[in-house]
PDB file of all heavy atoms in Angstrom:
ATOM      1  N   ALA A   1       0.840  -1.204   0.000  1.00  0.00           N
ATOM      2  CA  ALA A   1       0.000   0.000   0.000  1.00  0.00           C
ATOM      3  C   ALA A   1       0.872   1.250   0.000  1.00  0.00           C
ATOM      4  O   ALA A   1       1.951   1.274   0.579  1.00  0.00           O
ATOM      5  CB  ALA A   1      -0.910   0.004   1.222  1.00  0.00           C
ATOM      6  N   GLY A   2       0.391   2.266  -0.662  1.00  0.00           N
ATOM      7  CA  GLY A   2       1.084   3.548  -0.688  1.00  0.00           C
ATOM      8  C   GLY A   2       0.073   4.671  -0.757  1.00  0.00           C
ATOM      9  O   GLY A   2      -1.104   4.448  -1.026  1.00  0.00           O
ATOM     10  N   VAL A   3       0.543   5.878  -0.493  1.00  0.00           N
ATOM     11  CA  VAL A   3      -0.316   7.052  -0.509  1.00  0.00           C
ATOM     12  C   VAL A   3       0.335   8.100  -1.401  1.00  0.00           C
ATOM     13  O   VAL A   3       1.536   8.357  -1.285  1.00  0.00           O
ATOM     14  CB  VAL A   3      -0.492   7.626   0.916  1.00  0.00           C
ATOM     15  CG1 VAL A   3      -1.309   8.894   0.890  1.00  0.00           C
ATOM     16  CG2 VAL A   3      -1.112   6.593   1.838  1.00  0.00           C
ATOM     17  N   GLN A   4      -0.441   8.676  -2.282  1.00  0.00           N
ATOM     18  CA  GLN A   4       0.062   9.775  -3.101  1.00  0.00           C
ATOM     19  C   GLN A   4      -0.127  11.072  -2.325  1.00  0.00           C
ATOM     20  O   GLN A   4      -1.220  11.369  -1.853  1.00  0.00           O
ATOM     21  CB  GLN A   4      -0.668   9.838  -4.437  1.00  0.00           C
ATOM     22  CG  GLN A   4      -0.060  10.845  -5.382  1.00  0.00           C
ATOM     23  CD  GLN A   4      -0.645  10.744  -6.779  1.00  0.00           C
ATOM     24  OE1 GLN A   4      -1.073   9.688  -7.212  1.00  0.00           O
ATOM     25  NE2 GLN A   4      -0.656  11.852  -7.479  1.00  0.00           N
ATOM     26  N   LEU A   5       0.951  11.823  -2.177  1.00  0.00           N
ATOM     27  CA  LEU A   5       0.925  13.077  -1.426  1.00  0.00           C
ATOM     28  C   LEU A   5       0.831  14.274  -2.353  1.00  0.00           C
ATOM     29  O   LEU A   5       1.423  14.261  -3.438  1.00  0.00           O
ATOM     30  CB  LEU A   5       2.212  13.232  -0.612  1.00  0.00           C
ATOM     31  CG  LEU A   5       2.498  12.213   0.475  1.00  0.00           C
ATOM     32  CD1 LEU A   5       3.874  12.463   1.073  1.00  0.00           C
ATOM     33  CD2 LEU A   5       1.428  12.282   1.548  1.00  0.00           C
ATOM     34  N   PRO A   6       0.166  15.333  -1.913  1.00  0.00           N
ATOM     35  CA  PRO A   6       0.246  16.588  -2.652  1.00  0.00           C
ATOM     36  C   PRO A   6       1.678  17.128  -2.552  1.00  0.00           C
ATOM     37  O   PRO A   6       2.392  16.848  -1.592  1.00  0.00           O
ATOM     38  CB  PRO A   6      -0.719  17.511  -1.913  1.00  0.00           C
ATOM     39  CG  PRO A   6      -1.547  16.643  -1.038  1.00  0.00           C
ATOM     40  CD  PRO A   6      -0.745  15.413  -0.773  1.00  0.00           C
ATOM     41  N   ARG A   7       2.083  17.903  -3.537  1.00  0.00           N
ATOM     42  CA  ARG A   7       3.438  18.456  -3.561  1.00  0.00           C
ATOM     43  C   ARG A   7       3.743  19.238  -2.281  1.00  0.00           C
ATOM     44  O   ARG A   7       4.841  19.158  -1.731  1.00  0.00           O
ATOM     45  CB  ARG A   7       3.619  19.348  -4.778  1.00  0.00           C
ATOM     46  CG  ARG A   7       5.002  19.943  -4.881  1.00  0.00           C
ATOM     47  CD  ARG A   7       5.146  20.783  -6.163  1.00  0.00           C
ATOM     48  NE  ARG A   7       6.425  21.407  -6.241  1.00  0.00           N
ATOM     49  CZ  ARG A   7       7.532  20.832  -6.713  1.00  0.00           C
ATOM     50  NH1 ARG A   7       7.486  19.588  -7.126  1.00  0.00           N
ATOM     51  NH2 ARG A   7       8.679  21.480  -6.752  1.00  0.00           N
ATOM     52  N   GLY A   8       2.772  19.980  -1.769  1.00  0.00           N
ATOM     53  CA  GLY A   8       2.974  20.760  -0.549  1.00  0.00           C
ATOM     54  C   GLY A   8       3.272  19.892   0.660  1.00  0.00           C
ATOM     55  O   GLY A   8       4.111  20.239   1.494  1.00  0.00           O
ATOM     56  N   HIS A   9       2.602  18.753   0.770  1.00  0.00           N
ATOM     57  CA  HIS A   9       2.857  17.836   1.885  1.00  0.00           C
ATOM     58  C   HIS A   9       4.260  17.244   1.776  1.00  0.00           C
ATOM     59  O   HIS A   9       4.966  17.112   2.777  1.00  0.00           O
ATOM     60  CB  HIS A   9       1.811  16.727   1.918  1.00  0.00           C
ATOM     61  CG  HIS A   9       0.523  17.113   2.567  1.00  0.00           C
ATOM     62  ND1 HIS A   9      -0.045  18.361   2.457  1.00  0.00           N
ATOM     63  CD2 HIS A   9      -0.318  16.407   3.343  1.00  0.00           C
ATOM     64  CE1 HIS A   9      -1.172  18.399   3.133  1.00  0.00           C
ATOM     65  NE2 HIS A   9      -1.361  17.215   3.689  1.00  0.00           N
ATOM     66  N   PHE A  10       4.648  16.870   0.557  1.00  0.00           N
ATOM     67  CA  PHE A  10       6.004  16.349   0.376  1.00  0.00           C
ATOM     68  C   PHE A  10       7.028  17.420   0.750  1.00  0.00           C
ATOM     69  O   PHE A  10       8.031  17.132   1.398  1.00  0.00           O
ATOM     70  CB  PHE A  10       6.232  15.879  -1.063  1.00  0.00           C
ATOM     71  CG  PHE A  10       7.611  15.335  -1.269  1.00  0.00           C
ATOM     72  CD1 PHE A  10       7.933  14.050  -0.879  1.00  0.00           C
ATOM     73  CD2 PHE A  10       8.609  16.127  -1.833  1.00  0.00           C
ATOM     74  CE1 PHE A  10       9.223  13.553  -1.041  1.00  0.00           C
ATOM     75  CE2 PHE A  10       9.892  15.640  -1.998  1.00  0.00           C
ATOM     76  CZ  PHE A  10      10.196  14.346  -1.602  1.00  0.00           C
ATOM     77  N   GLY A  11       6.756  18.666   0.371  1.00  0.00           N
ATOM     78  CA  GLY A  11       7.645  19.774   0.715  1.00  0.00           C
ATOM     79  C   GLY A  11       7.776  19.951   2.222  1.00  0.00           C
ATOM     80  O   GLY A  11       8.870  20.212   2.726  1.00  0.00           O
ATOM     81  N   GLN A  12       6.672  19.777   2.944  1.00  0.00           N
ATOM     82  CA  GLN A  12       6.715  19.875   4.406  1.00  0.00           C
ATOM     83  C   GLN A  12       7.598  18.777   4.996  1.00  0.00           C
ATOM     84  O   GLN A  12       8.382  19.016   5.918  1.00  0.00           O
ATOM     85  CB  GLN A  12       5.314  19.777   4.990  1.00  0.00           C
ATOM     86  CG  GLN A  12       4.446  20.981   4.737  1.00  0.00           C
ATOM     87  CD  GLN A  12       3.031  20.790   5.263  1.00  0.00           C
ATOM     88  OE1 GLN A  12       2.753  19.875   6.046  1.00  0.00           O
ATOM     89  NE2 GLN A  12       2.127  21.644   4.825  1.00  0.00           N
ATOM     90  N   LEU A  13       7.465  17.564   4.461  1.00  0.00           N
ATOM     91  CA  LEU A  13       8.294  16.456   4.944  1.00  0.00           C
ATOM     92  C   LEU A  13       9.767  16.699   4.639  1.00  0.00           C
ATOM     93  O   LEU A  13      10.636  16.462   5.482  1.00  0.00           O
ATOM     94  CB  LEU A  13       7.839  15.137   4.320  1.00  0.00           C
ATOM     95  CG  LEU A  13       6.498  14.595   4.779  1.00  0.00           C
ATOM     96  CD1 LEU A  13       6.126  13.352   3.984  1.00  0.00           C
ATOM     97  CD2 LEU A  13       6.514  14.296   6.264  1.00  0.00           C
ATOM     98  N   ALA A  14      10.061  17.164   3.421  1.00  0.00           N
ATOM     99  CA  ALA A  14      11.447  17.431   3.033  1.00  0.00           C
ATOM    100  C   ALA A  14      12.050  18.520   3.917  1.00  0.00           C
ATOM    101  O   ALA A  14      13.201  18.409   4.356  1.00  0.00           O
ATOM    102  CB  ALA A  14      11.516  17.818   1.566  1.00  0.00           C
ATOM    103  N   HIS A  15      11.278  19.563   4.192  1.00  0.00           N
ATOM    104  CA  HIS A  15      11.763  20.655   5.041  1.00  0.00           C
ATOM    105  C   HIS A  15      12.027  20.159   6.459  1.00  0.00           C
ATOM    106  O   HIS A  15      13.057  20.477   7.070  1.00  0.00           O
ATOM    107  CB  HIS A  15      10.746  21.795   5.056  1.00  0.00           C
ATOM    108  CG  HIS A  15      11.211  22.983   5.833  1.00  0.00           C
ATOM    109  ND1 HIS A  15      11.190  23.016   7.204  1.00  0.00           N
ATOM    110  CD2 HIS A  15      11.709  24.171   5.433  1.00  0.00           C
ATOM    111  CE1 HIS A  15      11.659  24.169   7.632  1.00  0.00           C
ATOM    112  NE2 HIS A  15      11.979  24.896   6.569  1.00  0.00           N
ATOM    113  N   ALA A  16      11.101  19.379   7.015  1.00  0.00           N
ATOM    114  CA  ALA A  16      11.262  18.849   8.375  1.00  0.00           C
ATOM    115  C   ALA A  16      12.472  17.918   8.456  1.00  0.00           C
ATOM    116  O   ALA A  16      13.220  17.948   9.435  1.00  0.00           O
ATOM    117  CB  ALA A  16       9.997  18.131   8.822  1.00  0.00           C
ATOM    118  N   ALA A  17      12.674  17.108   7.421  1.00  0.00           N
ATOM    119  CA  ALA A  17      13.821  16.191   7.416  1.00  0.00           C
ATOM    120  C   ALA A  17      15.138  16.971   7.363  1.00  0.00           C
ATOM    121  O   ALA A  17      16.088  16.652   8.078  1.00  0.00           O
ATOM    122  CB  ALA A  17      13.725  15.236   6.234  1.00  0.00           C
ATOM    123  N   ALA A  18      15.193  17.992   6.527  1.00  0.00           N
ATOM    124  CA  ALA A  18      16.405  18.797   6.399  1.00  0.00           C
ATOM    125  C   ALA A  18      16.711  19.562   7.683  1.00  0.00           C
ATOM    126  O   ALA A  18      17.869  19.739   8.055  1.00  0.00           O
ATOM    127  CB  ALA A  18      16.280  19.759   5.224  1.00  0.00           C
ATOM    128  N   ALA A  19      15.666  20.005   8.376  1.00  0.00           N
ATOM    129  CA  ALA A  19      15.836  20.784   9.606  1.00  0.00           C
ATOM    130  C   ALA A  19      16.048  19.891  10.833  1.00  0.00           C
ATOM    131  O   ALA A  19      16.393  20.382  11.903  1.00  0.00           O
ATOM    132  CB  ALA A  19      14.622  21.682   9.823  1.00  0.00           C
ATOM    133  N   GLY A  20      15.807  18.587  10.669  1.00  0.00           N
ATOM    134  CA  GLY A  20      15.919  17.685  11.808  1.00  0.00           C
ATOM    135  C   GLY A  20      14.815  17.868  12.832  1.00  0.00           C
ATOM    136  O   GLY A  20      14.984  17.575  14.007  1.00  0.00           O
ATOM    137  N   SER A  21      13.669  18.354  12.368  1.00  0.00           N
ATOM    138  CA  SER A  21      12.558  18.617  13.285  1.00  0.00           C
ATOM    139  C   SER A  21      11.547  17.480  13.274  1.00  0.00           C
ATOM    140  O   SER A  21      11.730  16.476  12.607  1.00  0.00           O
ATOM    141  CB  SER A  21      11.888  19.944  12.919  1.00  0.00           C
ATOM    142  OG  SER A  21      11.379  19.888  11.616  1.00  0.00           O
ATOM    143  N   SER A  22      10.470  17.668  14.001  1.00  0.00           N
ATOM    144  CA  SER A  22       9.423  16.653  14.055  1.00  0.00           C
ATOM    145  C   SER A  22       8.586  16.693  12.779  1.00  0.00           C
ATOM    146  O   SER A  22       8.590  17.673  12.046  1.00  0.00           O
ATOM    147  CB  SER A  22       8.536  16.855  15.288  1.00  0.00           C
ATOM    148  OG  SER A  22       7.929  18.114  15.248  1.00  0.00           O
ATOM    149  N   TYR A  23       7.868  15.635  12.536  1.00  0.00           N
ATOM    150  CA  TYR A  23       7.049  15.541  11.328  1.00  0.00           C
ATOM    151  C   TYR A  23       5.800  16.396  11.473  1.00  0.00           C
ATOM    152  O   TYR A  23       5.369  16.713  12.583  1.00  0.00           O
ATOM    153  CB  TYR A  23       6.696  14.093  11.020  1.00  0.00           C
ATOM    154  CG  TYR A  23       6.197  13.312  12.199  1.00  0.00           C
ATOM    155  CD1 TYR A  23       4.886  13.412  12.629  1.00  0.00           C
ATOM    156  CD2 TYR A  23       7.056  12.491  12.912  1.00  0.00           C
ATOM    157  CE1 TYR A  23       4.438  12.717  13.713  1.00  0.00           C
ATOM    158  CE2 TYR A  23       6.606  11.776  14.017  1.00  0.00           C
ATOM    159  CZ  TYR A  23       5.299  11.895  14.396  1.00  0.00           C
ATOM    160  OH  TYR A  23       4.850  11.204  15.485  1.00  0.00           O
ATOM    161  N   PRO A  24       5.191  16.766  10.338  1.00  0.00           N
ATOM    162  CA  PRO A  24       3.960  17.569  10.375  1.00  0.00           C
ATOM    163  C   PRO A  24       2.829  16.792  11.063  1.00  0.00           C
ATOM    164  O   PRO A  24       2.773  15.568  10.986  1.00  0.00           O
ATOM    165  CB  PRO A  24       3.634  17.792   8.893  1.00  0.00           C
ATOM    166  CG  PRO A  24       4.886  17.499   8.153  1.00  0.00           C
ATOM    167  CD  PRO A  24       5.659  16.520   8.971  1.00  0.00           C
ATOM    168  N   PRO A  25       1.914  17.492  11.717  1.00  0.00           N
ATOM    169  CA  PRO A  25       0.826  16.835  12.465  1.00  0.00           C
ATOM    170  C   PRO A  25      -0.047  15.910  11.618  1.00  0.00           C
ATOM    171  O   PRO A  25      -0.531  14.900  12.111  1.00  0.00           O
ATOM    172  CB  PRO A  25      -0.001  18.013  13.002  1.00  0.00           C
ATOM    173  CG  PRO A  25       0.907  19.185  12.971  1.00  0.00           C
ATOM    174  CD  PRO A  25       1.889  18.943  11.863  1.00  0.00           C
ATOM    175  N   TRP A  26      -0.248  16.211  10.346  1.00  0.00           N
ATOM    176  CA  TRP A  26      -1.115  15.390   9.498  1.00  0.00           C
ATOM    177  C   TRP A  26      -0.533  14.001   9.245  1.00  0.00           C
ATOM    178  O   TRP A  26      -1.259  13.063   8.932  1.00  0.00           O
ATOM    179  CB  TRP A  26      -1.398  16.082   8.160  1.00  0.00           C
ATOM    180  CG  TRP A  26      -0.179  16.501   7.403  1.00  0.00           C
ATOM    181  CD1 TRP A  26       0.383  17.747   7.381  1.00  0.00           C
ATOM    182  CD2 TRP A  26       0.633  15.687   6.550  1.00  0.00           C
ATOM    183  NE1 TRP A  26       1.500  17.761   6.578  1.00  0.00           N
ATOM    184  CE2 TRP A  26       1.672  16.506   6.053  1.00  0.00           C
ATOM    185  CE3 TRP A  26       0.598  14.356   6.164  1.00  0.00           C
ATOM    186  CZ2 TRP A  26       2.663  16.023   5.192  1.00  0.00           C
ATOM    187  CZ3 TRP A  26       1.573  13.883   5.309  1.00  0.00           C
ATOM    188  CH2 TRP A  26       2.589  14.700   4.828  1.00  0.00           C
ATOM    189  N   LEU A  27       0.778  13.835   9.402  1.00  0.00           N
ATOM    190  CA  LEU A  27       1.421  12.563   9.073  1.00  0.00           C
ATOM    191  C   LEU A  27       1.000  11.445  10.025  1.00  0.00           C
ATOM    192  O   LEU A  27       0.810  10.304   9.596  1.00  0.00           O
ATOM    193  CB  LEU A  27       2.941  12.711   9.069  1.00  0.00           C
ATOM    194  CG  LEU A  27       3.716  11.467   8.643  1.00  0.00           C
ATOM    195  CD1 LEU A  27       3.343  11.054   7.219  1.00  0.00           C
ATOM    196  CD2 LEU A  27       5.207  11.718   8.735  1.00  0.00           C
ATOM    197  N   ALA A  28       0.831  11.748  11.306  1.00  0.00           N
ATOM    198  CA  ALA A  28       0.462  10.711  12.282  1.00  0.00           C
ATOM    199  C   ALA A  28      -0.884  10.081  11.927  1.00  0.00           C
ATOM    200  O   ALA A  28      -1.034   8.861  11.945  1.00  0.00           O
ATOM    201  CB  ALA A  28       0.441  11.291  13.686  1.00  0.00           C
ATOM    202  N   GLY A  29      -1.858  10.899  11.588  1.00  0.00           N
ATOM    203  CA  GLY A  29      -3.174  10.373  11.215  1.00  0.00           C
ATOM    204  C   GLY A  29      -3.141   9.563   9.935  1.00  0.00           C
ATOM    205  O   GLY A  29      -3.795   8.527   9.817  1.00  0.00           O
ATOM    206  N   LEU A  30      -2.369  10.029   8.976  1.00  0.00           N
ATOM    207  CA  LEU A  30      -2.247   9.322   7.700  1.00  0.00           C
ATOM    208  C   LEU A  30      -1.578   7.960   7.888  1.00  0.00           C
ATOM    209  O   LEU A  30      -2.027   6.961   7.330  1.00  0.00           O
ATOM    210  CB  LEU A  30      -1.459  10.177   6.711  1.00  0.00           C
ATOM    211  CG  LEU A  30      -1.335   9.656   5.294  1.00  0.00           C
ATOM    212  CD1 LEU A  30      -2.709   9.473   4.649  1.00  0.00           C
ATOM    213  CD2 LEU A  30      -0.497  10.616   4.472  1.00  0.00           C
ATOM    214  N   ALA A  31      -0.525   7.908   8.702  1.00  0.00           N
ATOM    215  CA  ALA A  31       0.168   6.641   8.967  1.00  0.00           C
ATOM    216  C   ALA A  31      -0.737   5.662   9.706  1.00  0.00           C
ATOM    217  O   ALA A  31      -0.741   4.468   9.419  1.00  0.00           O
ATOM    218  CB  ALA A  31       1.441   6.898   9.759  1.00  0.00           C
ATOM    219  N   ARG A  32      -1.499   6.174  10.641  1.00  0.00           N
ATOM    220  CA  ARG A  32      -2.424   5.324  11.405  1.00  0.00           C
ATOM    221  C   ARG A  32      -3.511   4.761  10.490  1.00  0.00           C
ATOM    222  O   ARG A  32      -3.828   3.579  10.529  1.00  0.00           O
ATOM    223  CB  ARG A  32      -3.057   6.130  12.543  1.00  0.00           C
ATOM    224  CG  ARG A  32      -3.902   5.311  13.488  1.00  0.00           C
ATOM    225  CD  ARG A  32      -4.503   6.143  14.627  1.00  0.00           C
ATOM    226  NE  ARG A  32      -3.542   7.021  15.278  1.00  0.00           N
ATOM    227  CZ  ARG A  32      -3.521   8.357  15.126  1.00  0.00           C
ATOM    228  NH1 ARG A  32      -4.422   8.970  14.374  1.00  0.00           N
ATOM    229  NH2 ARG A  32      -2.620   9.089  15.752  1.00  0.00           N
ATOM    230  N   GLN A  33      -4.079   5.616   9.655  1.00  0.00           N
ATOM    231  CA  GLN A  33      -5.169   5.203   8.769  1.00  0.00           C
ATOM    232  C   GLN A  33      -4.683   4.245   7.683  1.00  0.00           C
ATOM    233  O   GLN A  33      -5.369   3.279   7.356  1.00  0.00           O
ATOM    234  CB  GLN A  33      -5.789   6.435   8.123  1.00  0.00           C
ATOM    235  CG  GLN A  33      -6.911   6.136   7.164  1.00  0.00           C
ATOM    236  CD  GLN A  33      -7.449   7.391   6.497  1.00  0.00           C
ATOM    237  OE1 GLN A  33      -6.985   8.497   6.741  1.00  0.00           O
ATOM    238  NE2 GLN A  33      -8.425   7.224   5.644  1.00  0.00           N
ATOM    239  N   SER A  34      -3.516   4.481   7.135  1.00  0.00           N
ATOM    240  CA  SER A  34      -3.038   3.698   6.001  1.00  0.00           C
ATOM    241  C   SER A  34      -2.373   2.386   6.387  1.00  0.00           C
ATOM    242  O   SER A  34      -2.510   1.391   5.679  1.00  0.00           O
ATOM    243  CB  SER A  34      -2.050   4.531   5.184  1.00  0.00           C
ATOM    244  OG  SER A  34      -2.670   5.710   4.728  1.00  0.00           O
ATOM    245  N   TRP A  35      -1.611   2.383   7.477  1.00  0.00           N
ATOM    246  CA  TRP A  35      -0.829   1.191   7.844  1.00  0.00           C
ATOM    247  C   TRP A  35      -0.952   0.779   9.300  1.00  0.00           C
ATOM    248  O   TRP A  35      -0.239  -0.111   9.750  1.00  0.00           O
ATOM    249  CB  TRP A  35       0.656   1.426   7.536  1.00  0.00           C
ATOM    250  CG  TRP A  35       0.917   1.705   6.113  1.00  0.00           C
ATOM    251  CD1 TRP A  35       0.933   0.800   5.087  1.00  0.00           C
ATOM    252  CD2 TRP A  35       1.201   2.978   5.526  1.00  0.00           C
ATOM    253  NE1 TRP A  35       1.203   1.436   3.912  1.00  0.00           N
ATOM    254  CE2 TRP A  35       1.384   2.778   4.148  1.00  0.00           C
ATOM    255  CE3 TRP A  35       1.315   4.265   6.028  1.00  0.00           C
ATOM    256  CZ2 TRP A  35       1.668   3.809   3.272  1.00  0.00           C
ATOM    257  CZ3 TRP A  35       1.607   5.294   5.158  1.00  0.00           C
ATOM    258  CH2 TRP A  35       1.782   5.058   3.798  1.00  0.00           C
ATOM    259  N   GLU A  36      -1.798   1.453  10.082  1.00  0.00           N
ATOM    260  CA  GLU A  36      -1.927   1.189  11.509  1.00  0.00           C
ATOM    261  C   GLU A  36      -0.590   1.380  12.226  1.00  0.00           C
ATOM    262  O   GLU A  36      -0.240   0.645  13.148  1.00  0.00           O
ATOM    263  CB  GLU A  36      -2.506  -0.201  11.771  1.00  0.00           C
ATOM    264  CG  GLU A  36      -3.912  -0.354  11.217  1.00  0.00           C
ATOM    265  CD  GLU A  36      -4.506  -1.723  11.459  1.00  0.00           C
ATOM    266  OE1 GLU A  36      -3.855  -2.576  12.095  1.00  0.00           O
ATOM    267  OE2 GLU A  36      -5.642  -1.937  11.008  1.00  0.00           O
ATOM    268  N   VAL A  37       0.161   2.382  11.786  1.00  0.00           N
ATOM    269  CA  VAL A  37       1.444   2.734  12.382  1.00  0.00           C
ATOM    270  C   VAL A  37       1.238   3.930  13.299  1.00  0.00           C
ATOM    271  O   VAL A  37       0.659   4.928  12.888  1.00  0.00           O
ATOM    272  CB  VAL A  37       2.486   3.091  11.289  1.00  0.00           C
ATOM    273  CG1 VAL A  37       3.738   3.693  11.893  1.00  0.00           C
ATOM    274  CG2 VAL A  37       2.812   1.869  10.460  1.00  0.00           C
ATOM    275  N   GLU A  38       1.686   3.817  14.534  1.00  0.00           N
ATOM    276  CA  GLU A  38       1.571   4.910  15.493  1.00  0.00           C
ATOM    277  C   GLU A  38       2.883   5.689  15.526  1.00  0.00           C
ATOM    278  O   GLU A  38       3.930   5.133  15.844  1.00  0.00           O
ATOM    279  CB  GLU A  38       1.254   4.378  16.892  1.00  0.00           C
ATOM    280  CG  GLU A  38      -0.136   3.787  17.019  1.00  0.00           C
ATOM    281  CD  GLU A  38      -1.251   4.801  16.803  1.00  0.00           C
ATOM    282  OE1 GLU A  38      -1.072   5.993  17.136  1.00  0.00           O
ATOM    283  OE2 GLU A  38      -2.314   4.402  16.298  1.00  0.00           O
ATOM    284  N   LEU A  39       2.824   6.952  15.170  1.00  0.00           N
ATOM    285  CA  LEU A  39       3.975   7.838  15.259  1.00  0.00           C
ATOM    286  C   LEU A  39       3.776   8.708  16.495  1.00  0.00           C
ATOM    287  O   LEU A  39       2.777   9.415  16.603  1.00  0.00           O
ATOM    288  CB  LEU A  39       4.083   8.715  14.007  1.00  0.00           C
ATOM    289  CG  LEU A  39       4.332   7.977  12.696  1.00  0.00           C
ATOM    290  CD1 LEU A  39       4.300   8.956  11.529  1.00  0.00           C
ATOM    291  CD2 LEU A  39       5.652   7.236  12.731  1.00  0.00           C
TER     292      LEU A  39
END
């Protein structure tokens, strides 16, 4: 299974990864819904 992200969401992830910060709030819900992964 995979999820297609809008360009803006991918940009948020790339920025957070480069800055070494936490992931955007929307990611936890998406991971839970798509793969039952708790972040």
